[in-house]
N, C-alpha and C. Protein backbone atom coordinates (compact mmCIF):
# COMPACT_ATOMS: atom_id res chain seq x y z
N MET A 1 116.10 112.52 85.46
CA MET A 1 117.20 112.58 86.37
C MET A 1 116.86 111.68 87.55
N ILE A 2 117.66 110.64 87.62
CA ILE A 2 117.44 109.62 88.69
C ILE A 2 118.47 109.99 89.80
N ILE A 3 117.94 110.08 90.97
CA ILE A 3 118.85 110.39 92.16
C ILE A 3 119.68 109.19 92.47
N ARG A 4 120.97 109.34 92.65
CA ARG A 4 121.89 108.18 92.86
C ARG A 4 121.53 107.49 94.20
N GLY A 5 121.53 106.18 94.18
CA GLY A 5 121.25 105.51 95.41
C GLY A 5 119.82 105.06 95.48
N MET A 6 118.92 105.62 94.64
CA MET A 6 117.51 105.14 94.67
C MET A 6 117.38 104.20 93.44
N ASN A 7 116.81 103.04 93.76
CA ASN A 7 116.69 102.07 92.71
C ASN A 7 115.30 102.31 92.02
N LEU A 8 115.16 101.77 90.80
CA LEU A 8 114.01 102.00 89.99
C LEU A 8 112.64 101.48 90.64
N PRO A 9 112.66 100.40 91.23
CA PRO A 9 111.33 99.98 91.93
C PRO A 9 110.88 100.92 92.93
N LEU A 10 111.79 101.53 93.76
CA LEU A 10 111.31 102.54 94.70
C LEU A 10 110.79 103.81 94.07
N ILE A 11 111.35 104.25 93.01
CA ILE A 11 110.86 105.33 92.24
C ILE A 11 109.46 105.11 91.70
N ILE A 12 109.35 103.90 91.03
CA ILE A 12 108.03 103.49 90.49
C ILE A 12 106.93 103.34 91.57
N VAL A 13 107.26 102.85 92.75
CA VAL A 13 106.29 102.77 93.88
C VAL A 13 105.93 104.20 94.39
N CYS A 14 106.86 105.09 94.46
CA CYS A 14 106.53 106.46 94.81
C CYS A 14 105.61 107.13 93.86
N ILE A 15 105.86 106.90 92.59
CA ILE A 15 105.02 107.52 91.46
C ILE A 15 103.56 106.96 91.63
N VAL A 16 103.49 105.65 91.79
CA VAL A 16 102.16 105.03 91.86
C VAL A 16 101.43 105.48 93.18
N ILE A 17 102.14 105.80 94.24
CA ILE A 17 101.49 106.23 95.48
C ILE A 17 101.02 107.61 95.26
N VAL A 18 101.81 108.50 94.56
CA VAL A 18 101.42 109.91 94.33
C VAL A 18 100.16 109.83 93.40
N LEU A 19 100.19 109.04 92.33
CA LEU A 19 98.98 108.92 91.43
C LEU A 19 97.77 108.48 92.24
N ALA A 20 97.89 107.51 93.04
CA ALA A 20 96.77 107.06 93.87
C ALA A 20 96.22 108.10 94.71
N LEU A 21 97.08 108.90 95.34
CA LEU A 21 96.61 109.97 96.32
C LEU A 21 95.87 111.05 95.38
N ILE A 22 96.12 111.23 94.16
CA ILE A 22 95.43 112.16 93.28
C ILE A 22 94.21 111.60 92.76
N ILE A 23 94.20 110.46 92.23
CA ILE A 23 93.05 109.81 91.53
C ILE A 23 91.93 109.38 92.48
N LEU A 24 92.31 108.67 93.52
CA LEU A 24 91.26 108.12 94.45
C LEU A 24 90.27 109.13 95.06
N PRO A 25 90.69 110.30 95.45
CA PRO A 25 89.71 111.28 95.98
C PRO A 25 88.81 111.81 94.77
N LEU A 26 89.30 111.80 93.61
CA LEU A 26 88.47 112.25 92.51
C LEU A 26 87.47 111.26 92.22
N ILE A 27 87.74 110.00 92.29
CA ILE A 27 86.83 108.86 92.05
C ILE A 27 85.72 108.84 93.20
N VAL A 28 86.20 109.01 94.36
CA VAL A 28 85.19 109.02 95.49
C VAL A 28 84.29 110.19 95.39
N SER A 29 84.77 111.38 95.10
CA SER A 29 83.95 112.51 94.97
C SER A 29 82.94 112.44 93.73
N TYR A 30 83.43 111.77 92.68
CA TYR A 30 82.49 111.61 91.54
C TYR A 30 81.36 110.74 91.92
N LYS A 31 81.66 109.62 92.66
CA LYS A 31 80.60 108.68 93.08
C LYS A 31 79.69 109.33 94.01
N ALA A 32 80.17 110.14 94.89
CA ALA A 32 79.35 110.97 95.84
C ALA A 32 78.38 111.81 95.16
N GLU A 33 78.86 112.64 94.22
CA GLU A 33 78.03 113.50 93.44
C GLU A 33 76.96 112.77 92.64
N LYS A 34 77.35 111.60 92.09
CA LYS A 34 76.42 110.80 91.26
C LYS A 34 75.36 110.26 92.25
N LYS A 35 75.73 109.84 93.37
CA LYS A 35 74.78 109.29 94.27
C LYS A 35 73.79 110.32 94.85
N GLU A 36 74.33 111.55 95.10
CA GLU A 36 73.60 112.70 95.57
C GLU A 36 72.54 113.13 94.54
N LYS A 37 72.89 113.03 93.28
CA LYS A 37 71.98 113.42 92.20
C LYS A 37 70.73 112.53 92.21
N TYR A 38 70.89 111.26 92.44
CA TYR A 38 69.81 110.38 92.45
C TYR A 38 68.99 110.31 93.78
N ASN A 39 69.60 110.47 94.88
CA ASN A 39 69.00 110.49 96.16
C ASN A 39 68.58 111.88 96.62
N LYS A 40 67.38 112.13 96.97
CA LYS A 40 67.03 113.44 97.42
C LYS A 40 67.25 113.49 98.84
N ASN A 41 67.59 114.70 99.31
CA ASN A 41 67.78 114.92 100.72
C ASN A 41 66.43 115.26 101.35
N GLU A 42 66.52 115.41 102.57
CA GLU A 42 65.19 115.58 103.35
C GLU A 42 64.56 116.95 102.98
N TRP A 43 65.29 117.97 102.74
CA TRP A 43 64.72 119.32 102.32
C TRP A 43 63.89 119.19 101.03
N ASP A 44 64.50 118.41 100.09
CA ASP A 44 63.85 118.28 98.74
C ASP A 44 62.59 117.56 98.95
N LYS A 45 62.56 116.46 99.75
CA LYS A 45 61.33 115.75 100.01
C LYS A 45 60.31 116.62 100.64
N ILE A 46 60.67 117.50 101.67
CA ILE A 46 59.77 118.38 102.24
C ILE A 46 59.16 119.44 101.35
N LYS A 47 60.04 119.95 100.36
CA LYS A 47 59.62 120.82 99.43
C LYS A 47 58.52 120.21 98.47
N GLU A 48 58.84 119.03 97.99
CA GLU A 48 57.87 118.30 97.13
C GLU A 48 56.58 118.07 97.77
N TYR A 49 56.56 117.61 99.04
CA TYR A 49 55.38 117.42 99.86
C TYR A 49 54.57 118.67 99.95
N ALA A 50 55.21 119.76 100.33
CA ALA A 50 54.60 121.10 100.49
C ALA A 50 53.97 121.45 99.18
N ASN A 51 54.62 121.31 98.02
CA ASN A 51 54.15 121.73 96.77
C ASN A 51 52.89 120.86 96.36
N LYS A 52 52.97 119.66 96.78
CA LYS A 52 51.80 118.77 96.53
C LYS A 52 50.59 119.22 97.34
N LEU A 53 50.83 119.51 98.55
CA LEU A 53 49.72 120.07 99.43
C LEU A 53 49.16 121.35 98.92
N ASN A 54 50.11 122.24 98.49
CA ASN A 54 49.67 123.54 98.01
C ASN A 54 48.77 123.37 96.72
N ASN A 55 49.25 122.48 95.77
CA ASN A 55 48.42 122.28 94.53
C ASN A 55 47.03 121.68 94.95
N LYS A 56 47.06 120.82 95.92
CA LYS A 56 45.72 120.18 96.26
C LYS A 56 44.75 121.35 96.87
N THR A 57 45.25 122.27 97.72
CA THR A 57 44.49 123.28 98.27
C THR A 57 44.08 124.36 97.20
N ARG A 58 44.89 124.57 96.32
CA ARG A 58 44.53 125.53 95.28
C ARG A 58 43.48 125.02 94.32
N GLU A 59 43.43 123.73 94.07
CA GLU A 59 42.43 123.06 93.20
C GLU A 59 41.04 123.20 93.84
N LYS A 60 40.94 123.21 95.13
CA LYS A 60 39.62 123.24 95.82
C LYS A 60 38.90 124.48 95.59
């Protein structure tokens, strides 16, 4: 159902904009999750360092 007075290019542009608004955030969040998986945050680094120290003291 095409609304009278709206031409086809305007409808296509609107559809493209809607799809872009749906797809772009998904892509950005996917990349952020992927990056977060490989980069450790500060708390993870602290935990690893503490575990390393604990293992050294337990061995003594």
